[in-house]
Every structure is written in C-alpha cells, then in structure tokens.
Amino acid sequence: MDLTQLLDDVARWKLTDRGWRRVDDILLLLDDALGADEREGVRRSMTALVLAGPRRASQGVNEAMDKPPRQPAPARTVDLVNRLLHRLGHADPDPAASGSARRDDDDAT
C-alpha cells in the first residue's frame, strides 16, 4: 500500500479513544522515521498503522459487547496526518474524494 493512501485512509477511520492514541503514537514514530530517512522504520510504522486500523470483522462483535464508541479522527490525529502528507509533498486528505471516502461498513475498533 502507498504511504500517502494509507495516511489518507487513516484520516477517515473511526476508532475508540484508545485506538486513536495508539495511531497517534505510530504517526509520531513514522514522522521520526521519515525525518531520519529510515526506510525500515517507515515500513514498520506503515505495518503498525494497518494493524491499528479498523477491521470489518470486529464491528458487529464490538456493538454486541457494548464496547466504547468509535469516533472520527480527533484534531490532533488529523494534524499529524496533514503534517506527514505535507512532508511527503501531498495535499491534505479530502473526505469527499471518490474512491477513498470512508465506508461505514469498514469501521471498527
């Protein structure tokens, strides 16, 4: 997966507060790896982001077990994503963009 597409997707996820804190930590590690031009660090951060993201299979389970609510990305996360996208020379994510708009059935913690 392309890093810019992954970052664009992150801005559209819905996660619990705990999930967003985990994503923020990973984004900070990614920022450090990009700044140091550490390809392996970037790769590990991308893998961690994918694993921290929403998983379709857990959506129904979370609702049935009355888990904490999922929320859109908080401002701090959006700021981190935007900073990384600018570092990579790309524009901020556009939630209305066709093909990358969030689908509600993809949301999970």
PDB file of N, CA and C in Angstrom:
ATOM      1  N   MET A   1       0.848  -1.184   0.000  1.00  0.00           N
ATOM      2  CA  MET A   1       0.000   0.000   0.000  1.00  0.00           C
ATOM      3  C   MET A   1       0.892   1.246   0.000  1.00  0.00           C
ATOM      4  N   ASP A   2       0.467   2.234  -0.710  1.00  0.00           N
ATOM      5  CA  ASP A   2       1.162   3.508  -0.782  1.00  0.00           C
ATOM      6  C   ASP A   2       0.983   4.282   0.527  1.00  0.00           C
ATOM      7  N   LEU A   3       2.050   4.908   1.003  1.00  0.00           N
ATOM      8  CA  LEU A   3       2.004   5.635   2.275  1.00  0.00           C
ATOM      9  C   LEU A   3       0.997   6.778   2.238  1.00  0.00           C
ATOM     10  N   THR A   4       0.953   7.523   1.152  1.00  0.00           N
ATOM     11  CA  THR A   4       0.001   8.639   1.101  1.00  0.00           C
ATOM     12  C   THR A   4      -1.440   8.142   1.132  1.00  0.00           C
ATOM     13  N   GLN A   5      -1.718   7.013   0.473  1.00  0.00           N
ATOM     14  CA  GLN A   5      -3.074   6.451   0.512  1.00  0.00           C
ATOM     15  C   GLN A   5      -3.417   5.973   1.917  1.00  0.00           C
ATOM     16  N   LEU A   6      -2.443   5.343   2.576  1.00  0.00           N
ATOM     17  CA  LEU A   6      -2.671   4.888   3.946  1.00  0.00           C
ATOM     18  C   LEU A   6      -2.975   6.068   4.865  1.00  0.00           C
ATOM     19  N   LEU A   7      -2.214   7.143   4.754  1.00  0.00           N
ATOM     20  CA  LEU A   7      -2.457   8.329   5.584  1.00  0.00           C
ATOM     21  C   LEU A   7      -3.821   8.936   5.275  1.00  0.00           C
ATOM     22  N   ASP A   8      -4.173   8.956   3.999  1.00  0.00           N
ATOM     23  CA  ASP A   8      -5.483   9.468   3.603  1.00  0.00           C
ATOM     24  C   ASP A   8      -6.585   8.614   4.231  1.00  0.00           C
ATOM     25  N   ASP A   9      -6.389   7.302   4.250  1.00  0.00           N
ATOM     26  CA  ASP A   9      -7.370   6.402   4.860  1.00  0.00           C
ATOM     27  C   ASP A   9      -7.456   6.609   6.374  1.00  0.00           C
ATOM     28  N   VAL A  10      -6.312   6.799   7.024  1.00  0.00           N
ATOM     29  CA  VAL A  10      -6.290   6.992   8.482  1.00  0.00           C
ATOM     30  C   VAL A  10      -7.207   8.147   8.883  1.00  0.00           C
ATOM     31  N   ALA A  11      -7.175   9.220   8.117  1.00  0.00           N
ATOM     32  CA  ALA A  11      -7.991  10.394   8.440  1.00  0.00           C
ATOM     33  C   ALA A  11      -9.486  10.100   8.357  1.00  0.00           C
ATOM     34  N   ARG A  12      -9.867   8.983   7.765  1.00  0.00           N
ATOM     35  CA  ARG A  12     -11.276   8.627   7.583  1.00  0.00           C
ATOM     36  C   ARG A  12     -11.747   7.505   8.514  1.00  0.00           C
ATOM     37  N   TRP A  13     -10.827   6.912   9.254  1.00  0.00           N
ATOM     38  CA  TRP A  13     -11.197   5.819  10.152  1.00  0.00           C
ATOM     39  C   TRP A  13     -12.062   6.307  11.302  1.00  0.00           C
ATOM     40  N   LYS A  14     -12.752   5.359  11.914  1.00  0.00           N
ATOM     41  CA  LYS A  14     -13.458   5.585  13.178  1.00  0.00           C
ATOM     42  C   LYS A  14     -12.891   4.580  14.168  1.00  0.00           C
ATOM     43  N   LEU A  15     -12.365   5.094  15.277  1.00  0.00           N
ATOM     44  CA  LEU A  15     -11.761   4.250  16.300  1.00  0.00           C
ATOM     45  C   LEU A  15     -12.190   4.726  17.678  1.00  0.00           C
ATOM     46  N   THR A  16     -11.893   3.944  18.678  1.00  0.00           N
ATOM     47  CA  THR A  16     -12.114   4.371  20.059  1.00  0.00           C
ATOM     48  C   THR A  16     -11.027   5.381  20.437  1.00  0.00           C
ATOM     49  N   ASP A  17     -11.196   6.053  21.558  1.00  0.00           N
ATOM     50  CA  ASP A  17     -10.153   6.978  22.021  1.00  0.00           C
ATOM     51  C   ASP A  17      -8.824   6.251  22.182  1.00  0.00           C
ATOM     52  N   ARG A  18      -8.884   5.067  22.736  1.00  0.00           N
ATOM     53  CA  ARG A  18      -7.662   4.262  22.911  1.00  0.00           C
ATOM     54  C   ARG A  18      -7.012   3.962  21.557  1.00  0.00           C
ATOM     55  N   GLY A  19      -7.834   3.622  20.584  1.00  0.00           N
ATOM     56  CA  GLY A  19      -7.321   3.349  19.243  1.00  0.00           C
ATOM     57  C   GLY A  19      -6.648   4.563  18.633  1.00  0.00           C
ATOM     58  N   TRP A  20      -7.248   5.737  18.839  1.00  0.00           N
ATOM     59  CA  TRP A  20      -6.644   6.963  18.294  1.00  0.00           C
ATOM     60  C   TRP A  20      -5.338   7.297  18.989  1.00  0.00           C
ATOM     61  N   ARG A  21      -5.234   7.031  20.281  1.00  0.00           N
ATOM     62  CA  ARG A  21      -3.954   7.266  20.969  1.00  0.00           C
ATOM     63  C   ARG A  21      -2.864   6.366  20.399  1.00  0.00           C
ATOM     64  N   ARG A  22      -3.224   5.129  20.125  1.00  0.00           N
ATOM     65  CA  ARG A  22      -2.270   4.183  19.521  1.00  0.00           C
ATOM     66  C   ARG A  22      -1.840   4.684  18.139  1.00  0.00           C
ATOM     67  N   VAL A  23      -2.793   5.127  17.330  1.00  0.00           N
ATOM     68  CA  VAL A  23      -2.489   5.654  15.992  1.00  0.00           C
ATOM     69  C   VAL A  23      -1.590   6.881  16.098  1.00  0.00           C
ATOM     70  N   ASP A  24      -1.878   7.766  17.036  1.00  0.00           N
ATOM     71  CA  ASP A  24      -1.032   8.966  17.208  1.00  0.00           C
ATOM     72  C   ASP A  24       0.409   8.581  17.519  1.00  0.00           C
ATOM     73  N   ASP A  25       0.585   7.606  18.395  1.00  0.00           N
ATOM     74  CA  ASP A  25       1.942   7.150  18.719  1.00  0.00           C
ATOM     75  C   ASP A  25       2.658   6.628  17.471  1.00  0.00           C
ATOM     76  N   ILE A  26       1.946   5.867  16.665  1.00  0.00           N
ATOM     77  CA  ILE A  26       2.534   5.318  15.442  1.00  0.00           C
ATOM     78  C   ILE A  26       2.862   6.441  14.458  1.00  0.00           C
ATOM     79  N   LEU A  27       1.959   7.419  14.333  1.00  0.00           N
ATOM     80  CA  LEU A  27       2.219   8.539  13.420  1.00  0.00           C
ATOM     81  C   LEU A  27       3.454   9.323  13.848  1.00  0.00           C
ATOM     82  N   LEU A  28       3.661   9.468  15.146  1.00  0.00           N
ATOM     83  CA  LEU A  28       4.869  10.161  15.623  1.00  0.00           C
ATOM     84  C   LEU A  28       6.125   9.364  15.292  1.00  0.00           C
ATOM     85  N   LEU A  29       6.060   8.042  15.422  1.00  0.00           N
ATOM     86  CA  LEU A  29       7.187   7.201  15.026  1.00  0.00           C
ATOM     87  C   LEU A  29       7.441   7.297  13.526  1.00  0.00           C
ATOM     88  N   LEU A  30       6.383   7.335  12.755  1.00  0.00           N
ATOM     89  CA  LEU A  30       6.503   7.486  11.303  1.00  0.00           C
ATOM     90  C   LEU A  30       7.148   8.817  10.949  1.00  0.00           C
ATOM     91  N   ASP A  31       6.732   9.872  11.626  1.00  0.00           N
ATOM     92  CA  ASP A  31       7.314  11.198  11.397  1.00  0.00           C
ATOM     93  C   ASP A  31       8.818  11.179  11.676  1.00  0.00           C
ATOM     94  N   ASP A  32       9.206  10.558  12.774  1.00  0.00           N
ATOM     95  CA  ASP A  32      10.631  10.438  13.108  1.00  0.00           C
ATOM     96  C   ASP A  32      11.386   9.645  12.045  1.00  0.00           C
ATOM     97  N   ALA A  33      10.807   8.533  11.604  1.00  0.00           N
ATOM     98  CA  ALA A  33      11.463   7.686  10.600  1.00  0.00           C
ATOM     99  C   ALA A  33      11.618   8.427   9.273  1.00  0.00           C
ATOM    100  N   LEU A  34      10.596   9.181   8.887  1.00  0.00           N
ATOM    101  CA  LEU A  34      10.696   9.968   7.650  1.00  0.00           C
ATOM    102  C   LEU A  34      11.778  11.035   7.778  1.00  0.00           C
ATOM    103  N   GLY A  35      11.823  11.698   8.938  1.00  0.00           N
ATOM    104  CA  GLY A  35      12.812  12.746   9.159  1.00  0.00           C
ATOM    105  C   GLY A  35      14.234  12.225   9.129  1.00  0.00           C
ATOM    106  N   ALA A  36      14.427  10.979   9.566  1.00  0.00           N
ATOM    107  CA  ALA A  36      15.755  10.370   9.589  1.00  0.00           C
ATOM    108  C   ALA A  36      16.027   9.554   8.321  1.00  0.00           C
ATOM    109  N   ASP A  37      15.075   9.545   7.401  1.00  0.00           N
ATOM    110  CA  ASP A  37      15.190   8.782   6.150  1.00  0.00           C
ATOM    111  C   ASP A  37      15.473   7.305   6.431  1.00  0.00           C
ATOM    112  N   GLU A  38      14.749   6.762   7.409  1.00  0.00           N
ATOM    113  CA  GLU A  38      14.889   5.354   7.790  1.00  0.00           C
ATOM    114  C   GLU A  38      13.796   4.532   7.114  1.00  0.00           C
ATOM    115  N   ARG A  39      14.145   3.916   6.023  1.00  0.00           N
ATOM    116  CA  ARG A  39      13.151   3.149   5.253  1.00  0.00           C
ATOM    117  C   ARG A  39      12.532   2.015   6.063  1.00  0.00           C
ATOM    118  N   GLU A  40      13.358   1.327   6.842  1.00  0.00           N
ATOM    119  CA  GLU A  40      12.831   0.221   7.645  1.00  0.00           C
ATOM    120  C   GLU A  40      11.869   0.739   8.713  1.00  0.00           C
ATOM    121  N   GLY A  41      12.172   1.878   9.312  1.00  0.00           N
ATOM    122  CA  GLY A  41      11.274   2.486  10.285  1.00  0.00           C
ATOM    123  C   GLY A  41       9.959   2.906   9.664  1.00  0.00           C
ATOM    124  N   VAL A  42      10.022   3.419   8.445  1.00  0.00           N
ATOM    125  CA  VAL A  42       8.796   3.788   7.722  1.00  0.00           C
ATOM    126  C   VAL A  42       7.970   2.543   7.447  1.00  0.00           C
ATOM    127  N   ARG A  43       8.627   1.485   6.992  1.00  0.00           N
ATOM    128  CA  ARG A  43       7.912   0.244   6.685  1.00  0.00           C
ATOM    129  C   ARG A  43       7.248  -0.326   7.940  1.00  0.00           C
ATOM    130  N   ARG A  44       7.985  -0.351   9.050  1.00  0.00           N
ATOM    131  CA  ARG A  44       7.419  -0.863  10.308  1.00  0.00           C
ATOM    132  C   ARG A  44       6.246   0.001  10.773  1.00  0.00           C
ATOM    133  N   SER A  45       6.366   1.312  10.628  1.00  0.00           N
ATOM    134  CA  SER A  45       5.278   2.207  11.029  1.00  0.00           C
ATOM    135  C   SER A  45       4.042   1.992  10.165  1.00  0.00           C
ATOM    136  N   MET A  46       4.244   1.793   8.873  1.00  0.00           N
ATOM    137  CA  MET A  46       3.105   1.530   7.988  1.00  0.00           C
ATOM    138  C   MET A  46       2.401   0.236   8.390  1.00  0.00           C
ATOM    139  N   THR A  47       3.178  -0.790   8.681  1.00  0.00           N
ATOM    140  CA  THR A  47       2.595  -2.071   9.103  1.00  0.00           C
ATOM    141  C   THR A  47       1.814  -1.890  10.403  1.00  0.00           C
ATOM    142  N   ALA A  48       2.398  -1.161  11.344  1.00  0.00           N
ATOM    143  CA  ALA A  48       1.719  -0.910  12.622  1.00  0.00           C
ATOM    144  C   ALA A  48       0.422  -0.141  12.416  1.00  0.00           C
ATOM    145  N   LEU A  49       0.423   0.831  11.498  1.00  0.00           N
ATOM    146  CA  LEU A  49      -0.798   1.590  11.217  1.00  0.00           C
ATOM    147  C   LEU A  49      -1.893   0.685  10.670  1.00  0.00           C
ATOM    148  N   VAL A  50      -1.532  -0.155   9.720  1.00  0.00           N
ATOM    149  CA  VAL A  50      -2.526  -1.068   9.148  1.00  0.00           C
ATOM    150  C   VAL A  50      -3.118  -1.951  10.241  1.00  0.00           C
ATOM    151  N   LEU A  51      -2.259  -2.453  11.115  1.00  0.00           N
ATOM    152  CA  LEU A  51      -2.738  -3.321  12.195  1.00  0.00           C
ATOM    153  C   LEU A  51      -3.570  -2.565  13.235  1.00  0.00           C
ATOM    154  N   ALA A  52      -3.323  -1.276  13.391  1.00  0.00           N
ATOM    155  CA  ALA A  52      -4.076  -0.467  14.363  1.00  0.00           C
ATOM    156  C   ALA A  52      -5.406   0.016  13.801  1.00  0.00           C
ATOM    157  N   GLY A  53      -5.602  -0.136  12.520  1.00  0.00           N
ATOM    158  CA  GLY A  53      -6.798   0.390  11.862  1.00  0.00           C
ATOM    159  C   GLY A  53      -8.043  -0.436  12.118  1.00  0.00           C
ATOM    160  N   PRO A  54      -9.139   0.037  11.567  1.00  0.00           N
ATOM    161  CA  PRO A  54     -10.426  -0.658  11.747  1.00  0.00           C
ATOM    162  C   PRO A  54     -10.432  -1.994  11.011  1.00  0.00           C
ATOM    163  N   ARG A  55     -11.092  -2.925  11.594  1.00  0.00           N
ATOM    164  CA  ARG A  55     -11.248  -4.241  10.973  1.00  0.00           C
ATOM    165  C   ARG A  55     -12.732  -4.551  10.873  1.00  0.00           C
ATOM    166  N   ARG A  56     -13.141  -4.863   9.688  1.00  0.00           N
ATOM    167  CA  ARG A  56     -14.561  -5.090   9.406  1.00  0.00           C
ATOM    168  C   ARG A  56     -15.159  -6.182  10.286  1.00  0.00           C
ATOM    169  N   ALA A  57     -14.443  -7.252  10.503  1.00  0.00           N
ATOM    170  CA  ALA A  57     -14.985  -8.402  11.239  1.00  0.00           C
ATOM    171  C   ALA A  57     -15.344  -8.068  12.673  1.00  0.00           C
ATOM    172  N   SER A  58     -14.685  -7.096  13.272  1.00  0.00           N
ATOM    173  CA  SER A  58     -14.934  -6.816  14.684  1.00  0.00           C
ATOM    174  C   SER A  58     -16.086  -5.843  14.921  1.00  0.00           C
ATOM    175  N   GLN A  59     -16.635  -5.251  13.869  1.00  0.00           N
ATOM    176  CA  GLN A  59     -17.683  -4.248  14.044  1.00  0.00           C
ATOM    177  C   GLN A  59     -18.887  -4.801  14.795  1.00  0.00           C
ATOM    178  N   GLY A  60     -19.453  -5.881  14.326  1.00  0.00           N
ATOM    179  CA  GLY A  60     -20.635  -6.440  14.973  1.00  0.00           C
ATOM    180  C   GLY A  60     -20.345  -6.941  16.375  1.00  0.00           C
ATOM    181  N   VAL A  61     -19.181  -7.520  16.571  1.00  0.00           N
ATOM    182  CA  VAL A  61     -18.794  -8.009  17.890  1.00  0.00           C
ATOM    183  C   VAL A  61     -18.705  -6.857  18.875  1.00  0.00           C
ATOM    184  N   ASN A  62     -18.079  -5.762  18.460  1.00  0.00           N
ATOM    185  CA  ASN A  62     -17.947  -4.598  19.344  1.00  0.00           C
ATOM    186  C   ASN A  62     -19.306  -4.036  19.739  1.00  0.00           C
ATOM    187  N   GLU A  63     -20.215  -3.962  18.779  1.00  0.00           N
ATOM    188  CA  GLU A  63     -21.548  -3.440  19.086  1.00  0.00           C
ATOM    189  C   GLU A  63     -22.276  -4.377  20.042  1.00  0.00           C
ATOM    190  N   ALA A  64     -22.162  -5.673  19.821  1.00  0.00           N
ATOM    191  CA  ALA A  64     -22.851  -6.651  20.664  1.00  0.00           C
ATOM    192  C   ALA A  64     -22.302  -6.662  22.083  1.00  0.00           C
ATOM    193  N   MET A  65     -21.026  -6.368  22.241  1.00  0.00           N
ATOM    194  CA  MET A  65     -20.398  -6.409  23.561  1.00  0.00           C
ATOM    195  C   MET A  65     -20.405  -5.044  24.243  1.00  0.00           C
ATOM    196  N   ASP A  66     -21.083  -4.085  23.648  1.00  0.00           N
ATOM    197  CA  ASP A  66     -21.208  -2.743  24.215  1.00  0.00           C
ATOM    198  C   ASP A  66     -19.824  -2.126  24.490  1.00  0.00           C
ATOM    199  N   LYS A  67     -18.950  -2.194  23.506  1.00  0.00           N
ATOM    200  CA  LYS A  67     -17.598  -1.626  23.610  1.00  0.00           C
ATOM    201  C   LYS A  67     -17.676  -0.101  23.509  1.00  0.00           C
ATOM    202  N   PRO A  68     -16.586   0.598  23.869  1.00  0.00           N
ATOM    203  CA  PRO A  68     -16.581   2.063  23.772  1.00  0.00           C
ATOM    204  C   PRO A  68     -16.895   2.519  22.346  1.00  0.00           C
ATOM    205  N   PRO A  69     -17.519   3.673  22.217  1.00  0.00           N
ATOM    206  CA  PRO A  69     -17.918   4.148  20.887  1.00  0.00           C
ATOM    207  C   PRO A  69     -16.717   4.499  20.008  1.00  0.00           C
ATOM    208  N   ARG A  70     -16.904   4.289  18.724  1.00  0.00           N
ATOM    209  CA  ARG A  70     -15.895   4.683  17.739  1.00  0.00           C
ATOM    210  C   ARG A  70     -16.194   6.099  17.297  1.00  0.00           C
ATOM    211  N   GLN A  71     -15.139   6.860  17.082  1.00  0.00           N
ATOM    212  CA  GLN A  71     -15.288   8.257  16.699  1.00  0.00           C
ATOM    213  C   GLN A  71     -14.363   8.572  15.534  1.00  0.00           C
ATOM    214  N   PRO A  72     -14.702   9.612  14.765  1.00  0.00           N
ATOM    215  CA  PRO A  72     -13.785  10.053  13.708  1.00  0.00           C
ATOM    216  C   PRO A  72     -12.471  10.538  14.319  1.00  0.00           C
ATOM    217  N   ALA A  73     -11.497  10.706  13.475  1.00  0.00           N
ATOM    218  CA  ALA A  73     -10.173  11.140  13.923  1.00  0.00           C
ATOM    219  C   ALA A  73     -10.255  12.467  14.671  1.00  0.00           C
ATOM    220  N   PRO A  74      -9.635  12.530  15.859  1.00  0.00           N
ATOM    221  CA  PRO A  74      -9.598  13.799  16.595  1.00  0.00           C
ATOM    222  C   PRO A  74      -8.659  14.788  15.896  1.00  0.00           C
ATOM    223  N   ALA A  75      -8.757  16.036  16.276  1.00  0.00           N
ATOM    224  CA  ALA A  75      -7.975  17.104  15.631  1.00  0.00           C
ATOM    225  C   ALA A  75      -6.475  16.824  15.687  1.00  0.00           C
ATOM    226  N   ARG A  76      -5.982  16.287  16.809  1.00  0.00           N
ATOM    227  CA  ARG A  76      -4.535  16.033  16.917  1.00  0.00           C
ATOM    228  C   ARG A  76      -4.087  15.009  15.883  1.00  0.00           C
ATOM    229  N   THR A  77      -4.910  14.007  15.618  1.00  0.00           N
ATOM    230  CA  THR A  77      -4.567  12.983  14.636  1.00  0.00           C
ATOM    231  C   THR A  77      -4.610  13.565  13.228  1.00  0.00           C
ATOM    232  N   VAL A  78      -5.640  14.346  12.945  1.00  0.00           N
ATOM    233  CA  VAL A  78      -5.740  14.981  11.627  1.00  0.00           C
ATOM    234  C   VAL A  78      -4.538  15.890  11.394  1.00  0.00           C
ATOM    235  N   ASP A  79      -4.122  16.622  12.422  1.00  0.00           N
ATOM    236  CA  ASP A  79      -2.941  17.486  12.296  1.00  0.00           C
ATOM    237  C   ASP A  79      -1.690  16.670  11.986  1.00  0.00           C
ATOM    238  N   LEU A  80      -1.512  15.546  12.670  1.00  0.00           N
ATOM    239  CA  LEU A  80      -0.362  14.687  12.401  1.00  0.00           C
ATOM    240  C   LEU A  80      -0.393  14.146  10.973  1.00  0.00           C
ATOM    241  N   VAL A  81      -1.557  13.682  10.542  1.00  0.00           N
ATOM    242  CA  VAL A  81      -1.700  13.171   9.178  1.00  0.00           C
ATOM    243  C   VAL A  81      -1.378  14.267   8.173  1.00  0.00           C
ATOM    244  N   ASN A  82      -1.914  15.462   8.380  1.00  0.00           N
ATOM    245  CA  ASN A  82      -1.663  16.565   7.452  1.00  0.00           C
ATOM    246  C   ASN A  82      -0.182  16.936   7.408  1.00  0.00           C
ATOM    247  N   ARG A  83       0.468  16.931   8.570  1.00  0.00           N
ATOM    248  CA  ARG A  83       1.901  17.249   8.613  1.00  0.00           C
ATOM    249  C   ARG A  83       2.696  16.214   7.808  1.00  0.00           C
ATOM    250  N   LEU A  84       2.342  14.941   7.968  1.00  0.00           N
ATOM    251  CA  LEU A  84       3.037  13.890   7.235  1.00  0.00           C
ATOM    252  C   LEU A  84       2.776  13.990   5.729  1.00  0.00           C
ATOM    253  N   LEU A  85       1.535  14.265   5.367  1.00  0.00           N
ATOM    254  CA  LEU A  85       1.224  14.416   3.939  1.00  0.00           C
ATOM    255  C   LEU A  85       1.988  15.590   3.332  1.00  0.00           C
ATOM    256  N   HIS A  86       2.075  16.692   4.061  1.00  0.00           N
ATOM    257  CA  HIS A  86       2.844  17.840   3.556  1.00  0.00           C
ATOM    258  C   HIS A  86       4.327  17.487   3.432  1.00  0.00           C
ATOM    259  N   ARG A  87       4.843  16.744   4.390  1.00  0.00           N
ATOM    260  CA  ARG A  87       6.239  16.313   4.339  1.00  0.00           C
ATOM    261  C   ARG A  87       6.492  15.484   3.077  1.00  0.00           C
ATOM    262  N   LEU A  88       5.492  14.704   2.698  1.00  0.00           N
ATOM    263  CA  LEU A  88       5.600  13.861   1.508  1.00  0.00           C
ATOM    264  C   LEU A  88       5.253  14.615   0.226  1.00  0.00           C
ATOM    265  N   GLY A  89       4.858  15.877   0.355  1.00  0.00           N
ATOM    266  CA  GLY A  89       4.548  16.693  -0.817  1.00  0.00           C
ATOM    267  C   GLY A  89       3.144  16.522  -1.355  1.00  0.00           C
ATOM    268  N   HIS A  90       2.221  16.085  -0.493  1.00  0.00           N
ATOM    269  CA  HIS A  90       0.838  15.869  -0.919  1.00  0.00           C
ATOM    270  C   HIS A  90      -0.107  16.773  -0.142  1.00  0.00           C
ATOM    271  N   ALA A  91      -1.297  16.951  -0.712  1.00  0.00           N
ATOM    272  CA  ALA A  91      -2.318  17.787  -0.079  1.00  0.00           C
ATOM    273  C   ALA A  91      -2.980  17.037   1.071  1.00  0.00           C
ATOM    274  N   ASP A  92      -3.723  17.780   1.882  1.00  0.00           N
ATOM    275  CA  ASP A  92      -4.489  17.191   2.974  1.00  0.00           C
ATOM    276  C   ASP A  92      -5.521  16.229   2.407  1.00  0.00           C
ATOM    277  N   PRO A  93      -5.931  15.228   3.195  1.00  0.00           N
ATOM    278  CA  PRO A  93      -6.949  14.294   2.717  1.00  0.00           C
ATOM    279  C   PRO A  93      -8.274  14.998   2.464  1.00  0.00           C
ATOM    280  N   ASP A  94      -8.951  14.574   1.424  1.00  0.00           N
ATOM    281  CA  ASP A  94     -10.246  15.141   1.061  1.00  0.00           C
ATOM    282  C   ASP A  94     -11.328  14.108   1.338  1.00  0.00           C
ATOM    283  N   PRO A  95     -12.127  14.290   2.420  1.00  0.00           N
ATOM    284  CA  PRO A  95     -13.130  13.282   2.774  1.00  0.00           C
ATOM    285  C   PRO A  95     -14.150  13.035   1.679  1.00  0.00           C
ATOM    286  N   ALA A  96     -14.353  13.982   0.790  1.00  0.00           N
ATOM    287  CA  ALA A  96     -15.355  13.827  -0.258  1.00  0.00           C
ATOM    288  C   ALA A  96     -14.790  13.152  -1.499  1.00  0.00           C
ATOM    289  N   ALA A  97     -13.500  12.839  -1.492  1.00  0.00           N
ATOM    290  CA  ALA A  97     -12.882  12.249  -2.683  1.00  0.00           C
ATOM    291  C   ALA A  97     -13.516  10.895  -2.977  1.00  0.00           C
ATOM    292  N   SER A  98     -13.907  10.716  -4.214  1.00  0.00           N
ATOM    293  CA  SER A  98     -14.481   9.426  -4.585  1.00  0.00           C
ATOM    294  C   SER A  98     -13.386   8.380  -4.570  1.00  0.00           C
ATOM    295  N   GLY A  99     -13.740   7.177  -4.250  1.00  0.00           N
ATOM    296  CA  GLY A  99     -12.771   6.098  -4.235  1.00  0.00           C
ATOM    297  C   GLY A  99     -12.023   5.983  -2.919  1.00  0.00           C
ATOM    298  N   SER A 100     -11.951   7.057  -2.125  1.00  0.00           N
ATOM    299  CA  SER A 100     -11.279   6.927  -0.838  1.00  0.00           C
ATOM    300  C   SER A 100     -12.166   7.399   0.305  1.00  0.00           C
ATOM    301  N   ALA A 101     -13.433   7.643  -0.004  1.00  0.00           N
ATOM    302  CA  ALA A 101     -14.353   8.056   1.057  1.00  0.00           C
ATOM    303  C   ALA A 101     -14.592   6.894   2.001  1.00  0.00           C
ATOM    304  N   ARG A 102     -14.783   7.207   3.277  1.00  0.00           N
ATOM    305  CA  ARG A 102     -14.992   6.167   4.278  1.00  0.00           C
ATOM    306  C   ARG A 102     -16.312   5.472   4.029  1.00  0.00           C
ATOM    307  N   ARG A 103     -16.269   4.147   4.209  1.00  0.00           N
ATOM    308  CA  ARG A 103     -17.478   3.359   4.141  1.00  0.00           C
ATOM    309  C   ARG A 103     -17.811   2.911   5.547  1.00  0.00           C
ATOM    310  N   ASP A 104     -19.038   3.128   5.951  1.00  0.00           N
ATOM    311  CA  ASP A 104     -19.434   2.808   7.315  1.00  0.00           C
ATOM    312  C   ASP A 104     -19.251   1.338   7.662  1.00  0.00           C
ATOM    313  N   ASP A 105     -19.338   0.451   6.672  1.00  0.00           N
ATOM    314  CA  ASP A 105     -19.196  -0.964   6.969  1.00  0.00           C
ATOM    315  C   ASP A 105     -17.751  -1.364   7.214  1.00  0.00           C
ATOM    316  N   ASP A 106     -16.804  -0.456   7.001  1.00  0.00           N
ATOM    317  CA  ASP A 106     -15.399  -0.730   7.266  1.00  0.00           C
ATOM    318  C   ASP A 106     -14.970  -0.287   8.647  1.00  0.00           C
ATOM    319  N   ASP A 107     -15.836   0.350   9.391  1.00  0.00           N
ATOM    320  CA  ASP A 107     -15.459   0.917  10.688  1.00  0.00           C
ATOM    321  C   ASP A 107     -15.450  -0.134  11.771  1.00  0.00           C
ATOM    322  N   ALA A 108     -14.413  -0.078  12.613  1.00  0.00           N
ATOM    323  CA  ALA A 108     -14.322  -0.946  13.784  1.00  0.00           C
ATOM    324  C   ALA A 108     -13.231  -0.410  14.665  1.00  0.00           C
ATOM    325  N   THR A 109     -13.081  -0.981  15.859  1.00  0.00           N
ATOM    326  CA  THR A 109     -12.022  -0.521  16.758  1.00  0.00           C
ATOM    327  C   THR A 109     -10.745  -1.247  16.511  1.00  0.00           C
TER     328      THR A 109
END
